[in-house]
Structures are given as structure tokens and as C-alpha cells.
């Protein structure tokens, strides 16, 4: 058994019934990725977890390596697109091969809200692990409360 499979098996033992057959635990541990297991654990242990639907708004922790480039966090904050380490966006679709949206899929195609050179809203399309997306109401995004034509941060 590979080391990731062993780790997955340890996680699954805490999720499944205590009397789950060992071969079932091993099978699932080998089939599920670390991201899928993290998603399962998030749903199980976060009593407030809400599944996302297509076009739902979310917040997610800022990840400079994944989203960043030359993005200025202070500008995002001033524009109302960043707060307390989170950036905002909306769900485009689930990242599976099915033609219909799957709210249970472990990865989502997302539109992340950033800004362009004129300080206008721009969209960065990215794939994000579903477990790291927190469903929110659009009204929680300050940018949309300020109007969509912010052109200055002063």
C-alpha cells in the first residue's frame, strides 16, 4: 500500500463506521485523492457547510502562487475585493466531465474577482478545490455595495 493510500485509510477510518470492513477502507483509500478526502472531512465536520451551486458567490483564502502574479492586495482591499485574507468570486461550473453541474464534485471552475489596469473588475478563471470555497451572499462583497464603477482607491 502506498504512503498516500495509508494516510487516506487513516482518515477514512475516522469517517466510516467503526465496523467498516478493512478491504472497503483500503479500496476507498486507493480511489480517493487527498483533495477528495479533505472535501469529505470538511462536509462531515463543519456543521455550517453549505454546498455550492452554479453562479453562487464564495470567498476563498488568497493564494499568491495560484492567483497572484502582480496583484496588489492593498488595491484589492481598497476596491472591496479582499477582506481578512479572503478574495471573492463565483462558481462557473463543476470541474468534472459531465454536462450538468455537480455540486458534490471536489473541484470547481471559478471566476475570481480581481482588477485590471483601470481598476475595473476583471475575472480570472481558475480551478479551486471545493473544500476551500465558502459560500457567501453577494452583499458580503463590498465591491458590489460600492457600485461597479470604482476608478479610484482614494
C-alpha atoms as a PDB file:
ATOM      1  CA  UNK A   1       0.000   0.000   0.000  1.00  0.00           C
ATOM      2  CA  UNK A   2       1.441   3.432  -0.995  1.00  0.00           C
ATOM      3  CA  UNK A   3       2.008   6.056   1.708  1.00  0.00           C
ATOM      4  CA  UNK A   4      -0.819   8.302   0.401  1.00  0.00           C
ATOM      5  CA  UNK A   5      -3.139   5.290   0.443  1.00  0.00           C
ATOM      6  CA  UNK A   6      -2.137   4.600   4.059  1.00  0.00           C
ATOM      7  CA  UNK A   7      -2.822   8.226   5.005  1.00  0.00           C
ATOM      8  CA  UNK A   8      -6.168   8.121   3.211  1.00  0.00           C
ATOM      9  CA  UNK A   9      -7.015   4.903   5.058  1.00  0.00           C
ATOM     10  CA  UNK A  10      -6.325   6.601   8.410  1.00  0.00           C
ATOM     11  CA  UNK A  11      -8.652   9.468   7.502  1.00  0.00           C
ATOM     12  CA  UNK A  12     -11.340   7.096   6.258  1.00  0.00           C
ATOM     13  CA  UNK A  13     -11.251   5.045   9.459  1.00  0.00           C
ATOM     14  CA  UNK A  14     -12.318   8.204  11.295  1.00  0.00           C
ATOM     15  CA  UNK A  15     -15.076   8.912   8.786  1.00  0.00           C
ATOM     16  CA  UNK A  16     -16.585   5.461   8.251  1.00  0.00           C
ATOM     17  CA  UNK A  17     -18.408   3.312  10.771  1.00  0.00           C
ATOM     18  CA  UNK A  18     -16.067   1.562  13.215  1.00  0.00           C
ATOM     19  CA  UNK A  19     -17.117  -1.826  11.845  1.00  0.00           C
ATOM     20  CA  UNK A  20     -16.428  -0.951   8.182  1.00  0.00           C
ATOM     21  CA  UNK A  21     -14.577  -3.850   6.529  1.00  0.00           C
ATOM     22  CA  UNK A  22     -10.841  -3.211   6.154  1.00  0.00           C
ATOM     23  CA  UNK A  23     -10.939  -4.039   2.441  1.00  0.00           C
ATOM     24  CA  UNK A  24     -13.606  -1.355   1.873  1.00  0.00           C
ATOM     25  CA  UNK A  25     -11.468   1.211   3.705  1.00  0.00           C
ATOM     26  CA  UNK A  26      -8.437   0.185   1.637  1.00  0.00           C
ATOM     27  CA  UNK A  27     -10.423   0.338  -1.619  1.00  0.00           C
ATOM     28  CA  UNK A  28     -11.720   3.835  -0.887  1.00  0.00           C
ATOM     29  CA  UNK A  29      -8.301   4.975   0.313  1.00  0.00           C
ATOM     30  CA  UNK A  30      -6.809   3.932  -3.012  1.00  0.00           C
ATOM     31  CA  UNK A  31      -9.567   5.504  -5.105  1.00  0.00           C
ATOM     32  CA  UNK A  32      -9.951   8.890  -3.411  1.00  0.00           C
ATOM     33  CA  UNK A  33      -7.451  11.691  -3.806  1.00  0.00           C
ATOM     34  CA  UNK A  34      -6.234  13.784  -0.889  1.00  0.00           C
ATOM     35  CA  UNK A  35      -8.438  16.656  -2.151  1.00  0.00           C
ATOM     36  CA  UNK A  36     -11.498  14.426  -2.247  1.00  0.00           C
ATOM     37  CA  UNK A  37     -10.866  13.197   1.291  1.00  0.00           C
ATOM     38  CA  UNK A  38     -10.355  16.753   2.519  1.00  0.00           C
ATOM     39  CA  UNK A  39     -13.691  17.699   0.963  1.00  0.00           C
ATOM     40  CA  UNK A  40     -15.446  14.753   2.635  1.00  0.00           C
ATOM     41  CA  UNK A  41     -13.920  15.652   6.002  1.00  0.00           C
ATOM     42  CA  UNK A  42     -14.896  19.327   5.585  1.00  0.00           C
ATOM     43  CA  UNK A  43     -18.517  18.426   4.877  1.00  0.00           C
ATOM     44  CA  UNK A  44     -18.647  15.939   7.765  1.00  0.00           C
ATOM     45  CA  UNK A  45     -17.104  18.101  10.469  1.00  0.00           C
ATOM     46  CA  UNK A  46     -18.238  21.615   9.521  1.00  0.00           C
ATOM     47  CA  UNK A  47     -21.828  21.779  10.730  1.00  0.00           C
ATOM     48  CA  UNK A  48     -22.388  25.042   8.833  1.00  0.00           C
ATOM     49  CA  UNK A  49     -21.051  23.768   5.497  1.00  0.00           C
ATOM     50  CA  UNK A  50     -23.230  24.734   2.515  1.00  0.00           C
ATOM     51  CA  UNK A  51     -22.903  23.080  -0.883  1.00  0.00           C
ATOM     52  CA  UNK A  52     -22.315  25.424  -3.775  1.00  0.00           C
ATOM     53  CA  UNK A  53     -24.441  25.770  -6.870  1.00  0.00           C
ATOM     54  CA  UNK A  54     -23.659  27.229 -10.247  1.00  0.00           C
ATOM     55  CA  UNK A  55     -23.341  31.060 -10.024  1.00  0.00           C
ATOM     56  CA  UNK A  56     -23.093  31.039  -6.205  1.00  0.00           C
ATOM     57  CA  UNK A  57     -20.747  33.587  -4.667  1.00  0.00           C
ATOM     58  CA  UNK A  58     -17.867  32.434  -2.484  1.00  0.00           C
ATOM     59  CA  UNK A  59     -14.824  33.566  -0.602  1.00  0.00           C
ATOM     60  CA  UNK A  60     -11.553  31.666  -0.526  1.00  0.00           C
ATOM     61  CA  UNK A  61      -8.161  32.217   1.074  1.00  0.00           C
ATOM     62  CA  UNK A  62      -5.833  34.310  -1.071  1.00  0.00           C
ATOM     63  CA  UNK A  63      -3.143  32.150  -2.690  1.00  0.00           C
ATOM     64  CA  UNK A  64      -0.473  34.299  -4.331  1.00  0.00           C
ATOM     65  CA  UNK A  65       1.123  31.348  -6.111  1.00  0.00           C
ATOM     66  CA  UNK A  66      -2.168  30.303  -7.673  1.00  0.00           C
ATOM     67  CA  UNK A  67      -3.944  33.635  -8.191  1.00  0.00           C
ATOM     68  CA  UNK A  68      -1.341  36.332  -7.641  1.00  0.00           C
ATOM     69  CA  UNK A  69       1.192  37.400 -10.135  1.00  0.00           C
ATOM     70  CA  UNK A  70       1.357  41.171  -9.784  1.00  0.00           C
ATOM     71  CA  UNK A  71      -1.923  41.598  -7.914  1.00  0.00           C
ATOM     72  CA  UNK A  72      -1.669  44.213  -5.163  1.00  0.00           C
ATOM     73  CA  UNK A  73      -3.548  43.080  -2.049  1.00  0.00           C
ATOM     74  CA  UNK A  74      -3.946  46.692  -0.871  1.00  0.00           C
ATOM     75  CA  UNK A  75      -5.672  47.571  -4.164  1.00  0.00           C
ATOM     76  CA  UNK A  76      -7.958  44.537  -3.840  1.00  0.00           C
ATOM     77  CA  UNK A  77      -8.832  45.632  -0.304  1.00  0.00           C
ATOM     78  CA  UNK A  78      -9.497  49.250  -1.334  1.00  0.00           C
ATOM     79  CA  UNK A  79     -11.736  48.062  -4.159  1.00  0.00           C
ATOM     80  CA  UNK A  80     -13.735  45.820  -1.819  1.00  0.00           C
ATOM     81  CA  UNK A  81     -12.471  42.585  -3.368  1.00  0.00           C
ATOM     82  CA  UNK A  82     -10.401  41.358  -0.388  1.00  0.00           C
ATOM     83  CA  UNK A  83     -11.026  41.080   3.348  1.00  0.00           C
ATOM     84  CA  UNK A  84      -9.307  39.239   6.196  1.00  0.00           C
ATOM     85  CA  UNK A  85      -7.199  37.084   3.876  1.00  0.00           C
ATOM     86  CA  UNK A  86     -10.074  36.154   1.553  1.00  0.00           C
ATOM     87  CA  UNK A  87     -10.814  37.020  -2.078  1.00  0.00           C
ATOM     88  CA  UNK A  88     -14.165  36.623  -3.772  1.00  0.00           C
ATOM     89  CA  UNK A  89     -15.639  35.049  -6.858  1.00  0.00           C
ATOM     90  CA  UNK A  90     -18.469  32.948  -8.207  1.00  0.00           C
ATOM     91  CA  UNK A  91     -18.829  29.353  -9.353  1.00  0.00           C
ATOM     92  CA  UNK A  92     -18.873  28.838 -13.107  1.00  0.00           C
ATOM     93  CA  UNK A  93     -19.280  25.055 -13.138  1.00  0.00           C
ATOM     94  CA  UNK A  94     -18.094  21.853 -11.523  1.00  0.00           C
ATOM     95  CA  UNK A  95     -14.768  20.687 -12.954  1.00  0.00           C
ATOM     96  CA  UNK A  96     -15.945  17.233 -13.977  1.00  0.00           C
ATOM     97  CA  UNK A  97     -16.665  15.932 -17.469  1.00  0.00           C
ATOM     98  CA  UNK A  98     -20.436  15.788 -17.052  1.00  0.00           C
ATOM     99  CA  UNK A  99     -22.533  18.342 -18.936  1.00  0.00           C
ATOM    100  CA  UNK A 100     -24.653  19.113 -15.869  1.00  0.00           C
ATOM    101  CA  UNK A 101     -23.447  20.862 -12.712  1.00  0.00           C
ATOM    102  CA  UNK A 102     -22.343  18.564  -9.873  1.00  0.00           C
ATOM    103  CA  UNK A 103     -22.440  20.395  -6.502  1.00  0.00           C
ATOM    104  CA  UNK A 104     -20.620  17.477  -4.850  1.00  0.00           C
ATOM    105  CA  UNK A 105     -17.579  17.435  -7.113  1.00  0.00           C
ATOM    106  CA  UNK A 106     -14.305  18.107  -5.297  1.00  0.00           C
ATOM    107  CA  UNK A 107     -13.132  20.854  -7.682  1.00  0.00           C
ATOM    108  CA  UNK A 108     -14.942  23.839  -9.205  1.00  0.00           C
ATOM    109  CA  UNK A 109     -14.310  26.098 -12.189  1.00  0.00           C
ATOM    110  CA  UNK A 110     -14.435  29.578 -10.689  1.00  0.00           C
ATOM    111  CA  UNK A 111     -14.413  33.228 -11.678  1.00  0.00           C
ATOM    112  CA  UNK A 112     -12.125  35.005  -9.227  1.00  0.00           C
ATOM    113  CA  UNK A 113     -12.683  38.756  -8.871  1.00  0.00           C
ATOM    114  CA  UNK A 114      -9.547  40.808  -9.441  1.00  0.00           C
ATOM    115  CA  UNK A 115      -8.978  44.162 -11.185  1.00  0.00           C
ATOM    116  CA  UNK A 116      -7.422  45.447 -14.398  1.00  0.00           C
ATOM    117  CA  UNK A 117      -5.066  48.390 -15.059  1.00  0.00           C
ATOM    118  CA  UNK A 118      -8.020  50.803 -14.940  1.00  0.00           C
ATOM    119  CA  UNK A 119      -9.130  49.424 -11.542  1.00  0.00           C
ATOM    120  CA  UNK A 120     -12.181  47.816 -13.147  1.00  0.00           C
ATOM    121  CA  UNK A 121     -13.400  44.378 -12.171  1.00  0.00           C
ATOM    122  CA  UNK A 122     -11.679  41.605 -14.093  1.00  0.00           C
ATOM    123  CA  UNK A 123     -12.204  37.876 -13.926  1.00  0.00           C
ATOM    124  CA  UNK A 124      -9.517  35.246 -13.507  1.00  0.00           C
ATOM    125  CA  UNK A 125     -10.866  31.810 -14.359  1.00  0.00           C
ATOM    126  CA  UNK A 126      -9.304  29.209 -12.060  1.00  0.00           C
ATOM    127  CA  UNK A 127      -9.994  25.723 -10.775  1.00  0.00           C
ATOM    128  CA  UNK A 128     -10.280  25.633  -6.983  1.00  0.00           C
ATOM    129  CA  UNK A 129     -10.770  22.732  -4.576  1.00  0.00           C
ATOM    130  CA  UNK A 130     -14.385  22.853  -3.398  1.00  0.00           C
ATOM    131  CA  UNK A 131     -13.384  22.329   0.244  1.00  0.00           C
ATOM    132  CA  UNK A 132     -11.635  25.718   0.214  1.00  0.00           C
ATOM    133  CA  UNK A 133     -14.686  27.643  -1.064  1.00  0.00           C
ATOM    134  CA  UNK A 134     -17.025  29.243   1.469  1.00  0.00           C
ATOM    135  CA  UNK A 135     -20.482  30.100   0.186  1.00  0.00           C
ATOM    136  CA  UNK A 136     -21.483  33.719   0.823  1.00  0.00           C
ATOM    137  CA  UNK A 137     -24.155  36.203  -0.202  1.00  0.00           C
ATOM    138  CA  UNK A 138     -23.258  38.769  -2.875  1.00  0.00           C
ATOM    139  CA  UNK A 139     -23.979  41.538  -0.350  1.00  0.00           C
ATOM    140  CA  UNK A 140     -20.888  40.437   1.628  1.00  0.00           C
ATOM    141  CA  UNK A 141     -18.664  41.607  -1.242  1.00  0.00           C
ATOM    142  CA  UNK A 142     -18.014  45.295  -0.565  1.00  0.00           C
ATOM    143  CA  UNK A 143     -17.212  45.996  -4.231  1.00  0.00           C
ATOM    144  CA  UNK A 144     -20.816  45.342  -5.239  1.00  0.00           C
ATOM    145  CA  UNK A 145     -22.104  47.565  -2.429  1.00  0.00           C
ATOM    146  CA  UNK A 146     -19.955  50.462  -3.668  1.00  0.00           C
ATOM    147  CA  UNK A 147     -21.142  50.275  -7.262  1.00  0.00           C
ATOM    148  CA  UNK A 148     -19.368  48.610 -10.126  1.00  0.00           C
ATOM    149  CA  UNK A 149     -17.520  51.665 -11.437  1.00  0.00           C
ATOM    150  CA  UNK A 150     -14.860  52.240  -8.793  1.00  0.00           C
ATOM    151  CA  UNK A 151     -11.993  54.007 -10.550  1.00  0.00           C
ATOM    152  CA  UNK A 152     -10.033  55.340  -7.607  1.00  0.00           C
ATOM    153  CA  UNK A 153      -8.864  53.958  -4.308  1.00  0.00           C
ATOM    154  CA  UNK A 154      -8.762  57.348  -2.592  1.00  0.00           C
END
